Amino acid sequence: MNVGDPFDWYFDIPVVSRVYFTASFLTTAACALDLVSPFTLYFNYKLIVEKYQVWRLVTNFLFFGNFSLDFMFHMYFLIRYCRLLEDNSFRGRTADFVCLILYGGIAITLIAPFVNVPFMGSA
């Protein structure tokens, strides 16, 4: 791998981590370009139940704020630790890693109505 080649680095990331990273980056880019408002992404139990805005169950995990140093740190830690888990603890068990991510997301979503955290990507 060439040290300066971002395509090799990107495609070297395991598939689940790469999908989560890409979805997070594209969601933040869409908000930065005003294609999507963060107000349509945040977790709001009332809107999910009464208005059937079920996309909020997923999108609140994909938005990490505007492009900034904080966003870069979130992406670094997301890639670093998801990749370590997927490469080491869950090597060859992609479905198990997806189940872990889903279990964590469901647990955080069940707690979310009781705390005031609109975006749970950093939770």
PDB file of N, CA and C in Angstrom:
ATOM      1  N   MET A   1       0.838  -1.185   0.000  1.00  0.00           N
ATOM      2  CA  MET A   1       0.000   0.000   0.000  1.00  0.00           C
ATOM      3  C   MET A   1       0.877   1.241   0.000  1.00  0.00           C
ATOM      4  N   ASN A   2       0.589   2.160  -0.868  1.00  0.00           N
ATOM      5  CA  ASN A   2       1.278   3.427  -0.926  1.00  0.00           C
ATOM      6  C   ASN A   2       0.790   4.290   0.242  1.00  0.00           C
ATOM      7  N   VAL A   3       1.705   4.851   0.998  1.00  0.00           N
ATOM      8  CA  VAL A   3       1.359   5.579   2.218  1.00  0.00           C
ATOM      9  C   VAL A   3       0.421   6.743   1.932  1.00  0.00           C
ATOM     10  N   GLY A   4       0.561   7.410   0.823  1.00  0.00           N
ATOM     11  CA  GLY A   4      -0.237   8.586   0.530  1.00  0.00           C
ATOM     12  C   GLY A   4      -1.494   8.323  -0.278  1.00  0.00           C
ATOM     13  N   ASP A   5      -1.848   7.080  -0.501  1.00  0.00           N
ATOM     14  CA  ASP A   5      -2.994   6.776  -1.348  1.00  0.00           C
ATOM     15  C   ASP A   5      -4.271   6.638  -0.512  1.00  0.00           C
ATOM     16  N   PRO A   6      -5.156   7.651  -0.561  1.00  0.00           N
ATOM     17  CA  PRO A   6      -6.376   7.587   0.259  1.00  0.00           C
ATOM     18  C   PRO A   6      -7.351   6.500  -0.194  1.00  0.00           C
ATOM     19  N   PHE A   7      -7.333   6.145  -1.461  1.00  0.00           N
ATOM     20  CA  PHE A   7      -8.242   5.099  -1.932  1.00  0.00           C
ATOM     21  C   PHE A   7      -7.872   3.739  -1.343  1.00  0.00           C
ATOM     22  N   ASP A   8      -6.576   3.450  -1.290  1.00  0.00           N
ATOM     23  CA  ASP A   8      -6.142   2.196  -0.663  1.00  0.00           C
ATOM     24  C   ASP A   8      -6.509   2.177   0.816  1.00  0.00           C
ATOM     25  N   TRP A   9      -6.306   3.313   1.492  1.00  0.00           N
ATOM     26  CA  TRP A   9      -6.654   3.404   2.915  1.00  0.00           C
ATOM     27  C   TRP A   9      -8.159   3.172   3.104  1.00  0.00           C
ATOM     28  N   TYR A  10      -8.967   3.831   2.272  1.00  0.00           N
ATOM     29  CA  TYR A  10     -10.425   3.729   2.396  1.00  0.00           C
ATOM     30  C   TYR A  10     -10.905   2.296   2.152  1.00  0.00           C
ATOM     31  N   PHE A  11     -10.420   1.666   1.095  1.00  0.00           N
ATOM     32  CA  PHE A  11     -10.868   0.312   0.769  1.00  0.00           C
ATOM     33  C   PHE A  11     -10.218  -0.759   1.646  1.00  0.00           C
ATOM     34  N   ASP A  12      -9.236  -0.371   2.439  1.00  0.00           N
ATOM     35  CA  ASP A  12      -8.630  -1.289   3.395  1.00  0.00           C
ATOM     36  C   ASP A  12      -9.452  -1.364   4.696  1.00  0.00           C
ATOM     37  N   ILE A  13     -10.364  -0.409   4.895  1.00  0.00           N
ATOM     38  CA  ILE A  13     -11.235  -0.417   6.078  1.00  0.00           C
ATOM     39  C   ILE A  13     -12.237  -1.556   5.920  1.00  0.00           C
ATOM     40  N   PRO A  14     -12.478  -2.341   6.967  1.00  0.00           N
ATOM     41  CA  PRO A  14     -13.469  -3.424   6.881  1.00  0.00           C
ATOM     42  C   PRO A  14     -14.854  -2.885   6.507  1.00  0.00           C
ATOM     43  N   VAL A  15     -15.675  -3.729   5.926  1.00  0.00           N
ATOM     44  CA  VAL A  15     -16.904  -3.304   5.255  1.00  0.00           C
ATOM     45  C   VAL A  15     -17.893  -2.592   6.183  1.00  0.00           C
ATOM     46  N   VAL A  16     -18.161  -3.100   7.362  1.00  0.00           N
ATOM     47  CA  VAL A  16     -19.155  -2.465   8.241  1.00  0.00           C
ATOM     48  C   VAL A  16     -18.646  -1.103   8.712  1.00  0.00           C
ATOM     49  N   SER A  17     -17.394  -1.038   9.092  1.00  0.00           N
ATOM     50  CA  SER A  17     -16.806   0.232   9.521  1.00  0.00           C
ATOM     51  C   SER A  17     -16.803   1.237   8.371  1.00  0.00           C
ATOM     52  N   ARG A  18     -16.511   0.765   7.162  1.00  0.00           N
ATOM     53  CA  ARG A  18     -16.485   1.636   5.996  1.00  0.00           C
ATOM     54  C   ARG A  18     -17.875   2.179   5.680  1.00  0.00           C
ATOM     55  N   VAL A  19     -18.902   1.338   5.796  1.00  0.00           N
ATOM     56  CA  VAL A  19     -20.277   1.788   5.536  1.00  0.00           C
ATOM     57  C   VAL A  19     -20.708   2.822   6.570  1.00  0.00           C
ATOM     58  N   TYR A  20     -20.406   2.569   7.847  1.00  0.00           N
ATOM     59  CA  TYR A  20     -20.768   3.519   8.900  1.00  0.00           C
ATOM     60  C   TYR A  20     -20.024   4.839   8.724  1.00  0.00           C
ATOM     61  N   PHE A  21     -18.733   4.783   8.428  1.00  0.00           N
ATOM     62  CA  PHE A  21     -17.942   5.985   8.185  1.00  0.00           C
ATOM     63  C   PHE A  21     -18.489   6.774   7.000  1.00  0.00           C
ATOM     64  N   THR A  22     -18.768   6.089   5.904  1.00  0.00           N
ATOM     65  CA  THR A  22     -19.275   6.753   4.701  1.00  0.00           C
ATOM     66  C   THR A  22     -20.637   7.386   4.948  1.00  0.00           C
ATOM     67  N   ALA A  23     -21.531   6.665   5.605  1.00  0.00           N
ATOM     68  CA  ALA A  23     -22.860   7.200   5.899  1.00  0.00           C
ATOM     69  C   ALA A  23     -22.757   8.421   6.811  1.00  0.00           C
ATOM     70  N   SER A  24     -21.876   8.371   7.795  1.00  0.00           N
ATOM     71  CA  SER A  24     -21.692   9.510   8.702  1.00  0.00           C
ATOM     72  C   SER A  24     -21.119  10.712   7.964  1.00  0.00           C
ATOM     73  N   PHE A  25     -20.116  10.462   7.136  1.00  0.00           N
ATOM     74  CA  PHE A  25     -19.506  11.560   6.385  1.00  0.00           C
ATOM     75  C   PHE A  25     -20.507  12.185   5.416  1.00  0.00           C
ATOM     76  N   LEU A  26     -21.259  11.356   4.684  1.00  0.00           N
ATOM     77  CA  LEU A  26     -22.221  11.886   3.717  1.00  0.00           C
ATOM     78  C   LEU A  26     -23.367  12.627   4.404  1.00  0.00           C
ATOM     79  N   THR A  27     -23.801  12.157   5.562  1.00  0.00           N
ATOM     80  CA  THR A  27     -24.856  12.849   6.303  1.00  0.00           C
ATOM     81  C   THR A  27     -24.377  14.220   6.745  1.00  0.00           C
ATOM     82  N   THR A  28     -23.166  14.288   7.261  1.00  0.00           N
ATOM     83  CA  THR A  28     -22.609  15.568   7.686  1.00  0.00           C
ATOM     84  C   THR A  28     -22.377  16.486   6.494  1.00  0.00           C
ATOM     85  N   ALA A  29     -21.916  15.934   5.386  1.00  0.00           N
ATOM     86  CA  ALA A  29     -21.717  16.743   4.180  1.00  0.00           C
ATOM     87  C   ALA A  29     -23.044  17.286   3.664  1.00  0.00           C
ATOM     88  N   ALA A  30     -24.093  16.479   3.695  1.00  0.00           N
ATOM     89  CA  ALA A  30     -25.414  16.941   3.246  1.00  0.00           C
ATOM     90  C   ALA A  30     -25.914  18.077   4.122  1.00  0.00           C
ATOM     91  N   CYS A  31     -25.644  18.002   5.416  1.00  0.00           N
ATOM     92  CA  CYS A  31     -26.048  19.092   6.313  1.00  0.00           C
ATOM     93  C   CYS A  31     -25.190  20.341   6.074  1.00  0.00           C
ATOM     94  N   ALA A  32     -23.899  20.155   5.851  1.00  0.00           N
ATOM     95  CA  ALA A  32     -23.009  21.291   5.603  1.00  0.00           C
ATOM     96  C   ALA A  32     -23.359  22.013   4.304  1.00  0.00           C
ATOM     97  N   LEU A  33     -23.848  21.279   3.315  1.00  0.00           N
ATOM     98  CA  LEU A  33     -24.233  21.873   2.028  1.00  0.00           C
ATOM     99  C   LEU A  33     -25.689  22.322   2.008  1.00  0.00           C
ATOM    100  N   ASP A  34     -26.359  22.260   3.147  1.00  0.00           N
ATOM    101  CA  ASP A  34     -27.773  22.637   3.289  1.00  0.00           C
ATOM    102  C   ASP A  34     -28.703  21.827   2.396  1.00  0.00           C
ATOM    103  N   LEU A  35     -28.333  20.605   2.099  1.00  0.00           N
ATOM    104  CA  LEU A  35     -29.227  19.705   1.379  1.00  0.00           C
ATOM    105  C   LEU A  35     -30.231  19.082   2.343  1.00  0.00           C
ATOM    106  N   VAL A  36     -29.788  18.909   3.586  1.00  0.00           N
ATOM    107  CA  VAL A  36     -30.618  18.335   4.644  1.00  0.00           C
ATOM    108  C   VAL A  36     -30.416  19.186   5.888  1.00  0.00           C
ATOM    109  N   SER A  37     -31.471  19.425   6.606  1.00  0.00           N
ATOM    110  CA  SER A  37     -31.369  20.173   7.852  1.00  0.00           C
ATOM    111  C   SER A  37     -31.133  19.195   9.008  1.00  0.00           C
ATOM    112  N   PRO A  38     -30.250  19.551   9.943  1.00  0.00           N
ATOM    113  CA  PRO A  38     -30.071  18.701  11.118  1.00  0.00           C
ATOM    114  C   PRO A  38     -31.362  18.537  11.926  1.00  0.00           C
ATOM    115  N   PHE A  39     -32.296  19.466  11.772  1.00  0.00           N
ATOM    116  CA  PHE A  39     -33.573  19.369  12.481  1.00  0.00           C
ATOM    117  C   PHE A  39     -34.434  18.219  11.968  1.00  0.00           C
ATOM    118  N   THR A  40     -34.124  17.704  10.784  1.00  0.00           N
ATOM    119  CA  THR A  40     -34.856  16.537  10.279  1.00  0.00           C
ATOM    120  C   THR A  40     -34.174  15.230  10.653  1.00  0.00           C
ATOM    121  N   LEU A  41     -33.029  15.311  11.333  1.00  0.00           N
ATOM    122  CA  LEU A  41     -32.250  14.120  11.666  1.00  0.00           C
ATOM    123  C   LEU A  41     -32.260  13.767  13.145  1.00  0.00           C
ATOM    124  N   TYR A  42     -32.489  14.735  14.008  1.00  0.00           N
ATOM    125  CA  TYR A  42     -32.322  14.492  15.437  1.00  0.00           C
ATOM    126  C   TYR A  42     -33.380  13.554  16.000  1.00  0.00           C
ATOM    127  N   PHE A  43     -33.068  12.949  17.147  1.00  0.00           N
ATOM    128  CA  PHE A  43     -33.972  12.003  17.788  1.00  0.00           C
ATOM    129  C   PHE A  43     -35.068  12.770  18.513  1.00  0.00           C
ATOM    130  N   ASN A  44     -36.316  12.524  18.115  1.00  0.00           N
ATOM    131  CA  ASN A  44     -37.474  13.120  18.769  1.00  0.00           C
ATOM    132  C   ASN A  44     -38.531  12.031  18.878  1.00  0.00           C
ATOM    133  N   TYR A  45     -38.709  11.526  20.081  1.00  0.00           N
ATOM    134  CA  TYR A  45     -39.630  10.408  20.310  1.00  0.00           C
ATOM    135  C   TYR A  45     -41.047  10.743  19.849  1.00  0.00           C
ATOM    136  N   LYS A  46     -41.487  11.953  20.137  1.00  0.00           N
ATOM    137  CA  LYS A  46     -42.848  12.358  19.773  1.00  0.00           C
ATOM    138  C   LYS A  46     -43.053  12.327  18.247  1.00  0.00           C
ATOM    139  N   LEU A  47     -42.096  12.840  17.505  1.00  0.00           N
ATOM    140  CA  LEU A  47     -42.218  12.839  16.043  1.00  0.00           C
ATOM    141  C   LEU A  47     -42.130  11.425  15.467  1.00  0.00           C
ATOM    142  N   ILE A  48     -41.353  10.566  16.093  1.00  0.00           N
ATOM    143  CA  ILE A  48     -41.234   9.184  15.619  1.00  0.00           C
ATOM    144  C   ILE A  48     -42.551   8.444  15.814  1.00  0.00           C
ATOM    145  N   VAL A  49     -43.165   8.615  16.973  1.00  0.00           N
ATOM    146  CA  VAL A  49     -44.381   7.880  17.301  1.00  0.00           C
ATOM    147  C   VAL A  49     -45.622   8.488  16.644  1.00  0.00           C
ATOM    148  N   GLU A  50     -45.768   9.799  16.718  1.00  0.00           N
ATOM    149  CA  GLU A  50     -46.993  10.444  16.234  1.00  0.00           C
ATOM    150  C   GLU A  50     -46.975  10.751  14.743  1.00  0.00           C
ATOM    151  N   LYS A  51     -45.828  11.122  14.204  1.00  0.00           N
ATOM    152  CA  LYS A  51     -45.735  11.499  12.782  1.00  0.00           C
ATOM    153  C   LYS A  51     -45.075  10.418  11.936  1.00  0.00           C
ATOM    154  N   TYR A  52     -44.699   9.306  12.546  1.00  0.00           N
ATOM    155  CA  TYR A  52     -44.081   8.162  11.843  1.00  0.00           C
ATOM    156  C   TYR A  52     -42.808   8.543  11.093  1.00  0.00           C
ATOM    157  N   GLN A  53     -42.006   9.400  11.685  1.00  0.00           N
ATOM    158  CA  GLN A  53     -40.731   9.801  11.089  1.00  0.00           C
ATOM    159  C   GLN A  53     -39.640   8.831  11.576  1.00  0.00           C
ATOM    160  N   VAL A  54     -39.752   7.601  11.100  1.00  0.00           N
ATOM    161  CA  VAL A  54     -38.901   6.510  11.602  1.00  0.00           C
ATOM    162  C   VAL A  54     -37.438   6.640  11.180  1.00  0.00           C
ATOM    163  N   TRP A  55     -37.123   7.447  10.187  1.00  0.00           N
ATOM    164  CA  TRP A  55     -35.729   7.621   9.777  1.00  0.00           C
ATOM    165  C   TRP A  55     -34.908   8.228  10.914  1.00  0.00           C
ATOM    166  N   ARG A  56     -35.564   8.909  11.835  1.00  0.00           N
ATOM    167  CA  ARG A  56     -34.859   9.522  12.956  1.00  0.00           C
ATOM    168  C   ARG A  56     -34.212   8.477  13.864  1.00  0.00           C
ATOM    169  N   LEU A  57     -34.691   7.243  13.819  1.00  0.00           N
ATOM    170  CA  LEU A  57     -34.086   6.177  14.611  1.00  0.00           C
ATOM    171  C   LEU A  57     -32.676   5.849  14.144  1.00  0.00           C
ATOM    172  N   VAL A  58     -32.382   6.106  12.871  1.00  0.00           N
ATOM    173  CA  VAL A  58     -31.068   5.807  12.296  1.00  0.00           C
ATOM    174  C   VAL A  58     -30.231   7.066  12.127  1.00  0.00           C
ATOM    175  N   THR A  59     -30.839   8.127  11.613  1.00  0.00           N
ATOM    176  CA  THR A  59     -30.057   9.312  11.237  1.00  0.00           C
ATOM    177  C   THR A  59     -29.421  10.018  12.416  1.00  0.00           C
ATOM    178  N   ASN A  60     -29.996   9.883  13.605  1.00  0.00           N
ATOM    179  CA  ASN A  60     -29.384  10.548  14.753  1.00  0.00           C
ATOM    180  C   ASN A  60     -28.041   9.932  15.121  1.00  0.00           C
ATOM    181  N   PHE A  61     -27.762   8.715  14.656  1.00  0.00           N
ATOM    182  CA  PHE A  61     -26.467   8.080  14.885  1.00  0.00           C
ATOM    183  C   PHE A  61     -25.448   8.449  13.806  1.00  0.00           C
ATOM    184  N   LEU A  62     -25.878   9.104  12.747  1.00  0.00           N
ATOM    185  CA  LEU A  62     -25.000   9.404  11.617  1.00  0.00           C
ATOM    186  C   LEU A  62     -24.499  10.840  11.588  1.00  0.00           C
ATOM    187  N   PHE A  63     -25.111  11.726  12.344  1.00  0.00           N
ATOM    188  CA  PHE A  63     -24.725  13.138  12.323  1.00  0.00           C
ATOM    189  C   PHE A  63     -23.847  13.441  13.526  1.00  0.00           C
ATOM    190  N   PHE A  64     -22.654  13.962  13.267  1.00  0.00           N
ATOM    191  CA  PHE A  64     -21.690  14.275  14.321  1.00  0.00           C
ATOM    192  C   PHE A  64     -21.399  15.763  14.413  1.00  0.00           C
ATOM    193  N   GLY A  65     -22.260  16.603  13.899  1.00  0.00           N
ATOM    194  CA  GLY A  65     -22.038  18.044  13.937  1.00  0.00           C
ATOM    195  C   GLY A  65     -21.428  18.540  12.642  1.00  0.00           C
ATOM    196  N   ASN A  66     -21.168  19.822  12.611  1.00  0.00           N
ATOM    197  CA  ASN A  66     -20.588  20.450  11.416  1.00  0.00           C
ATOM    198  C   ASN A  66     -19.141  20.013  11.239  1.00  0.00           C
ATOM    199  N   PHE A  67     -18.612  20.219  10.031  1.00  0.00           N
ATOM    200  CA  PHE A  67     -17.208  19.918   9.779  1.00  0.00           C
ATOM    201  C   PHE A  67     -16.365  20.807  10.686  1.00  0.00           C
ATOM    202  N   SER A  68     -15.588  20.187  11.531  1.00  0.00           N
ATOM    203  CA  SER A  68     -14.739  20.912  12.474  1.00  0.00           C
ATOM    204  C   SER A  68     -13.695  19.943  13.011  1.00  0.00           C
ATOM    205  N   LEU A  69     -12.876  20.434  13.899  1.00  0.00           N
ATOM    206  CA  LEU A  69     -11.892  19.572  14.534  1.00  0.00           C
ATOM    207  C   LEU A  69     -12.591  18.489  15.355  1.00  0.00           C
ATOM    208  N   ASP A  70     -13.690  18.835  16.008  1.00  0.00           N
ATOM    209  CA  ASP A  70     -14.477  17.870  16.773  1.00  0.00           C
ATOM    210  C   ASP A  70     -14.995  16.754  15.858  1.00  0.00           C
ATOM    211  N   PHE A  71     -15.484  17.121  14.683  1.00  0.00           N
ATOM    212  CA  PHE A  71     -15.951  16.124  13.722  1.00  0.00           C
ATOM    213  C   PHE A  71     -14.813  15.200  13.292  1.00  0.00           C
ATOM    214  N   MET A  72     -13.648  15.780  13.054  1.00  0.00           N
ATOM    215  CA  MET A  72     -12.493  14.972  12.643  1.00  0.00           C
ATOM    216  C   MET A  72     -12.103  13.967  13.734  1.00  0.00           C
ATOM    217  N   PHE A  73     -12.148  14.407  14.989  1.00  0.00           N
ATOM    218  CA  PHE A  73     -11.854  13.486  16.080  1.00  0.00           C
ATOM    219  C   PHE A  73     -12.895  12.378  16.168  1.00  0.00           C
ATOM    220  N   HIS A  74     -14.172  12.707  15.993  1.00  0.00           N
ATOM    221  CA  HIS A  74     -15.213  11.687  16.004  1.00  0.00           C
ATOM    222  C   HIS A  74     -14.982  10.656  14.896  1.00  0.00           C
ATOM    223  N   MET A  75     -14.644  11.127  13.700  1.00  0.00           N
ATOM    224  CA  MET A  75     -14.404  10.205  12.591  1.00  0.00           C
ATOM    225  C   MET A  75     -13.155   9.355  12.843  1.00  0.00           C
ATOM    226  N   TYR A  76     -12.125   9.969  13.412  1.00  0.00           N
ATOM    227  CA  TYR A  76     -10.913   9.211  13.721  1.00  0.00           C
ATOM    228  C   TYR A  76     -11.229   8.082  14.702  1.00  0.00           C
ATOM    229  N   PHE A  77     -11.932   8.407  15.787  1.00  0.00           N
ATOM    230  CA  PHE A  77     -12.237   7.381  16.785  1.00  0.00           C
ATOM    231  C   PHE A  77     -13.223   6.353  16.250  1.00  0.00           C
ATOM    232  N   LEU A  78     -14.161   6.781  15.434  1.00  0.00           N
ATOM    233  CA  LEU A  78     -15.099   5.825  14.824  1.00  0.00           C
ATOM    234  C   LEU A  78     -14.340   4.802  13.987  1.00  0.00           C
ATOM    235  N   ILE A  79     -13.475   5.290  13.109  1.00  0.00           N
ATOM    236  CA  ILE A  79     -12.704   4.394  12.241  1.00  0.00           C
ATOM    237  C   ILE A  79     -11.738   3.544  13.066  1.00  0.00           C
ATOM    238  N   ARG A  80     -11.047   4.169  13.988  1.00  0.00           N
ATOM    239  CA  ARG A  80     -10.032   3.458  14.771  1.00  0.00           C
ATOM    240  C   ARG A  80     -10.628   2.284  15.545  1.00  0.00           C
ATOM    241  N   TYR A  81     -11.682   2.546  16.307  1.00  0.00           N
ATOM    242  CA  TYR A  81     -12.191   1.508  17.195  1.00  0.00           C
ATOM    243  C   TYR A  81     -13.134   0.531  16.501  1.00  0.00           C
ATOM    244  N   CYS A  82     -13.916   0.993  15.547  1.00  0.00           N
ATOM    245  CA  CYS A  82     -14.721   0.047  14.762  1.00  0.00           C
ATOM    246  C   CYS A  82     -13.815  -0.895  13.985  1.00  0.00           C
ATOM    247  N   ARG A  83     -12.767  -0.344  13.418  1.00  0.00           N
ATOM    248  CA  ARG A  83     -11.836  -1.161  12.643  1.00  0.00           C
ATOM    249  C   ARG A  83     -11.126  -2.187  13.528  1.00  0.00           C
ATOM    250  N   LEU A  84     -10.685  -1.749  14.716  1.00  0.00           N
ATOM    251  CA  LEU A  84     -10.031  -2.690  15.639  1.00  0.00           C
ATOM    252  C   LEU A  84     -10.975  -3.815  16.033  1.00  0.00           C
ATOM    253  N   LEU A  85     -12.209  -3.482  16.354  1.00  0.00           N
ATOM    254  CA  LEU A  85     -13.183  -4.514  16.705  1.00  0.00           C
ATOM    255  C   LEU A  85     -13.432  -5.459  15.543  1.00  0.00           C
ATOM    256  N   GLU A  86     -13.649  -4.873  14.361  1.00  0.00           N
ATOM    257  CA  GLU A  86     -13.997  -5.694  13.205  1.00  0.00           C
ATOM    258  C   GLU A  86     -12.818  -6.546  12.732  1.00  0.00           C
ATOM    259  N   ASP A  87     -11.608  -6.019  12.851  1.00  0.00           N
ATOM    260  CA  ASP A  87     -10.427  -6.771  12.417  1.00  0.00           C
ATOM    261  C   ASP A  87      -9.979  -7.818  13.424  1.00  0.00           C
ATOM    262  N   ASN A  88     -10.170  -7.554  14.714  1.00  0.00           N
ATOM    263  CA  ASN A  88      -9.638  -8.450  15.731  1.00  0.00           C
ATOM    264  C   ASN A  88     -10.726  -9.311  16.373  1.00  0.00           C
ATOM    265  N   SER A  89     -11.573  -8.713  17.167  1.00  0.00           N
ATOM    266  CA  SER A  89     -12.561  -9.477  17.929  1.00  0.00           C
ATOM    267  C   SER A  89     -13.601 -10.145  17.041  1.00  0.00           C
ATOM    268  N   PHE A  90     -13.927  -9.530  15.914  1.00  0.00           N
ATOM    269  CA  PHE A  90     -14.983 -10.054  15.045  1.00  0.00           C
ATOM    270  C   PHE A  90     -14.454 -10.459  13.669  1.00  0.00           C
ATOM    271  N   ARG A  91     -13.192 -10.853  13.597  1.00  0.00           N
ATOM    272  CA  ARG A  91     -12.613 -11.269  12.303  1.00  0.00           C
ATOM    273  C   ARG A  91     -13.383 -12.462  11.749  1.00  0.00           C
ATOM    274  N   GLY A  92     -13.897 -12.305  10.526  1.00  0.00           N
ATOM    275  CA  GLY A  92     -14.641 -13.373   9.873  1.00  0.00           C
ATOM    276  C   GLY A  92     -16.063 -13.535  10.383  1.00  0.00           C
ATOM    277  N   ARG A  93     -16.489 -12.634  11.263  1.00  0.00           N
ATOM    278  CA  ARG A  93     -17.842 -12.709  11.818  1.00  0.00           C
ATOM    279  C   ARG A  93     -18.529 -11.350  11.643  1.00  0.00           C
ATOM    280  N   THR A  94     -18.704 -10.956  10.410  1.00  0.00           N
ATOM    281  CA  THR A  94     -19.288  -9.659  10.098  1.00  0.00           C
ATOM    282  C   THR A  94     -20.705  -9.538  10.647  1.00  0.00           C
ATOM    283  N   ALA A  95     -21.493 -10.588  10.526  1.00  0.00           N
ATOM    284  CA  ALA A  95     -22.875 -10.545  11.031  1.00  0.00           C
ATOM    285  C   ALA A  95     -22.907 -10.330  12.540  1.00  0.00           C
ATOM    286  N   ASP A  96     -21.971 -10.913  13.262  1.00  0.00           N
ATOM    287  CA  ASP A  96     -21.901 -10.707  14.701  1.00  0.00           C
ATOM    288  C   ASP A  96     -21.573  -9.252  15.036  1.00  0.00           C
ATOM    289  N   PHE A  97     -20.687  -8.641  14.245  1.00  0.00           N
ATOM    290  CA  PHE A  97     -20.342  -7.234  14.463  1.00  0.00           C
ATOM    291  C   PHE A  97     -21.540  -6.337  14.166  1.00  0.00           C
ATOM    292  N   VAL A  98     -22.282  -6.641  13.117  1.00  0.00           N
ATOM    293  CA  VAL A  98     -23.504  -5.882  12.812  1.00  0.00           C
ATOM    294  C   VAL A  98     -24.500  -6.023  13.959  1.00  0.00           C
ATOM    295  N   CYS A  99     -24.636  -7.218  14.504  1.00  0.00           N
ATOM    296  CA  CYS A  99     -25.536  -7.428  15.655  1.00  0.00           C
ATOM    297  C   CYS A  99     -25.084  -6.614  16.861  1.00  0.00           C
ATOM    298  N   LEU A 100     -23.763  -6.528  17.089  1.00  0.00           N
ATOM    299  CA  LEU A 100     -23.249  -5.707  18.178  1.00  0.00           C
ATOM    300  C   LEU A 100     -23.619  -4.240  17.982  1.00  0.00           C
ATOM    301  N   ILE A 101     -23.423  -3.738  16.777  1.00  0.00           N
ATOM    302  CA  ILE A 101     -23.759  -2.342  16.474  1.00  0.00           C
ATOM    303  C   ILE A 101     -25.256  -2.119  16.661  1.00  0.00           C
ATOM    304  N   LEU A 102     -26.078  -3.032  16.158  1.00  0.00           N
ATOM    305  CA  LEU A 102     -27.532  -2.902  16.308  1.00  0.00           C
ATOM    306  C   LEU A 102     -27.949  -2.971  17.769  1.00  0.00           C
ATOM    307  N   TYR A 103     -27.378  -3.893  18.525  1.00  0.00           N
ATOM    308  CA  TYR A 103     -27.703  -4.010  19.946  1.00  0.00           C
ATOM    309  C   TYR A 103     -27.360  -2.715  20.687  1.00  0.00           C
ATOM    310  N   GLY A 104     -26.185  -2.166  20.431  1.00  0.00           N
ATOM    311  CA  GLY A 104     -25.790  -0.898  21.052  1.00  0.00           C
ATOM    312  C   GLY A 104     -26.719   0.236  20.666  1.00  0.00           C
ATOM    313  N   GLY A 105     -27.082   0.298  19.379  1.00  0.00           N
ATOM    314  CA  GLY A 105     -28.002   1.336  18.921  1.00  0.00           C
ATOM    315  C   GLY A 105     -29.380   1.217  19.542  1.00  0.00           C
ATOM    316  N   ILE A 106     -29.868  -0.012  19.657  1.00  0.00           N
ATOM    317  CA  ILE A 106     -31.189  -0.238  20.274  1.00  0.00           C
ATOM    318  C   ILE A 106     -31.150   0.137  21.747  1.00  0.00           C
ATOM    319  N   ALA A 107     -30.098  -0.243  22.445  1.00  0.00           N
ATOM    320  CA  ALA A 107     -29.978   0.086  23.869  1.00  0.00           C
ATOM    321  C   ALA A 107     -29.942   1.599  24.083  1.00  0.00           C
ATOM    322  N   ILE A 108     -29.173   2.304  23.268  1.00  0.00           N
ATOM    323  CA  ILE A 108     -29.099   3.758  23.384  1.00  0.00           C
ATOM    324  C   ILE A 108     -30.447   4.388  23.032  1.00  0.00           C
ATOM    325  N   THR A 109     -31.126   3.854  22.023  1.00  0.00           N
ATOM    326  CA  THR A 109     -32.431   4.386  21.616  1.00  0.00           C
ATOM    327  C   THR A 109     -33.474   4.181  22.705  1.00  0.00           C
ATOM    328  N   LEU A 110     -33.418   3.079  23.425  1.00  0.00           N
ATOM    329  CA  LEU A 110     -34.371   2.842  24.514  1.00  0.00           C
ATOM    330  C   LEU A 110     -34.146   3.795  25.685  1.00  0.00           C
ATOM    331  N   ILE A 111     -32.909   4.201  25.894  1.00  0.00           N
ATOM    332  CA  ILE A 111     -32.585   5.135  26.970  1.00  0.00           C
ATOM    333  C   ILE A 111     -32.848   6.582  26.551  1.00  0.00           C
ATOM    334  N   ALA A 112     -32.790   6.865  25.267  1.00  0.00           N
ATOM    335  CA  ALA A 112     -32.859   8.224  24.740  1.00  0.00           C
ATOM    336  C   ALA A 112     -34.074   9.047  25.180  1.00  0.00           C
ATOM    337  N   PRO A 113     -35.287   8.494  25.268  1.00  0.00           N
ATOM    338  CA  PRO A 113     -36.404   9.335  25.702  1.00  0.00           C
ATOM    339  C   PRO A 113     -36.246   9.897  27.119  1.00  0.00           C
ATOM    340  N   PHE A 114     -35.369   9.310  27.917  1.00  0.00           N
ATOM    341  CA  PHE A 114     -35.200   9.739  29.300  1.00  0.00           C
ATOM    342  C   PHE A 114     -34.055  10.722  29.502  1.00  0.00           C
ATOM    343  N   VAL A 115     -33.257  10.916  28.471  1.00  0.00           N
ATOM    344  CA  VAL A 115     -32.145  11.871  28.540  1.00  0.00           C
ATOM    345  C   VAL A 115     -32.308  12.878  27.412  1.00  0.00           C
ATOM    346  N   ASN A 116     -31.619  13.974  27.518  1.00  0.00           N
ATOM    347  CA  ASN A 116     -31.763  15.032  26.522  1.00  0.00           C
ATOM    348  C   ASN A 116     -30.541  15.059  25.597  1.00  0.00           C
ATOM    349  N   VAL A 117     -30.425  14.047  24.745  1.00  0.00           N
ATOM    350  CA  VAL A 117     -29.338  13.970  23.775  1.00  0.00           C
ATOM    351  C   VAL A 117     -29.967  13.790  22.395  1.00  0.00           C
ATOM    352  N   PRO A 118     -30.012  14.845  21.568  1.00  0.00           N
ATOM    353  CA  PRO A 118     -30.705  14.732  20.279  1.00  0.00           C
ATOM    354  C   PRO A 118     -29.957  13.930  19.222  1.00  0.00           C
ATOM    355  N   PHE A 119     -28.627  13.931  19.278  1.00  0.00           N
ATOM    356  CA  PHE A 119     -27.828  13.176  18.314  1.00  0.00           C
ATOM    357  C   PHE A 119     -26.986  12.171  19.085  1.00  0.00           C
ATOM    358  N   MET A 120     -27.190  10.909  18.821  1.00  0.00           N
ATOM    359  CA  MET A 120     -26.549   9.875  19.616  1.00  0.00           C
ATOM    360  C   MET A 120     -25.343   9.245  18.950  1.00  0.00           C
ATOM    361  N   GLY A 121     -24.858   9.841  17.889  1.00  0.00           N
ATOM    362  CA  GLY A 121     -23.653   9.320  17.256  1.00  0.00           C
ATOM    363  C   GLY A 121     -22.458   9.384  18.185  1.00  0.00           C
ATOM    364  N   SER A 122     -22.405  10.412  19.004  1.00  0.00           N
ATOM    365  CA  SER A 122     -21.285  10.562  19.928  1.00  0.00           C
ATOM    366  C   SER A 122     -21.584   9.975  21.298  1.00  0.00           C
ATOM    367  N   ALA A 123     -22.742   9.332  21.447  1.00  0.00           N
ATOM    368  CA  ALA A 123     -23.105   8.767  22.757  1.00  0.00           C
ATOM    369  C   ALA A 123     -22.399   7.457  23.018  1.00  0.00           C
TER     370      ALA A 123
END
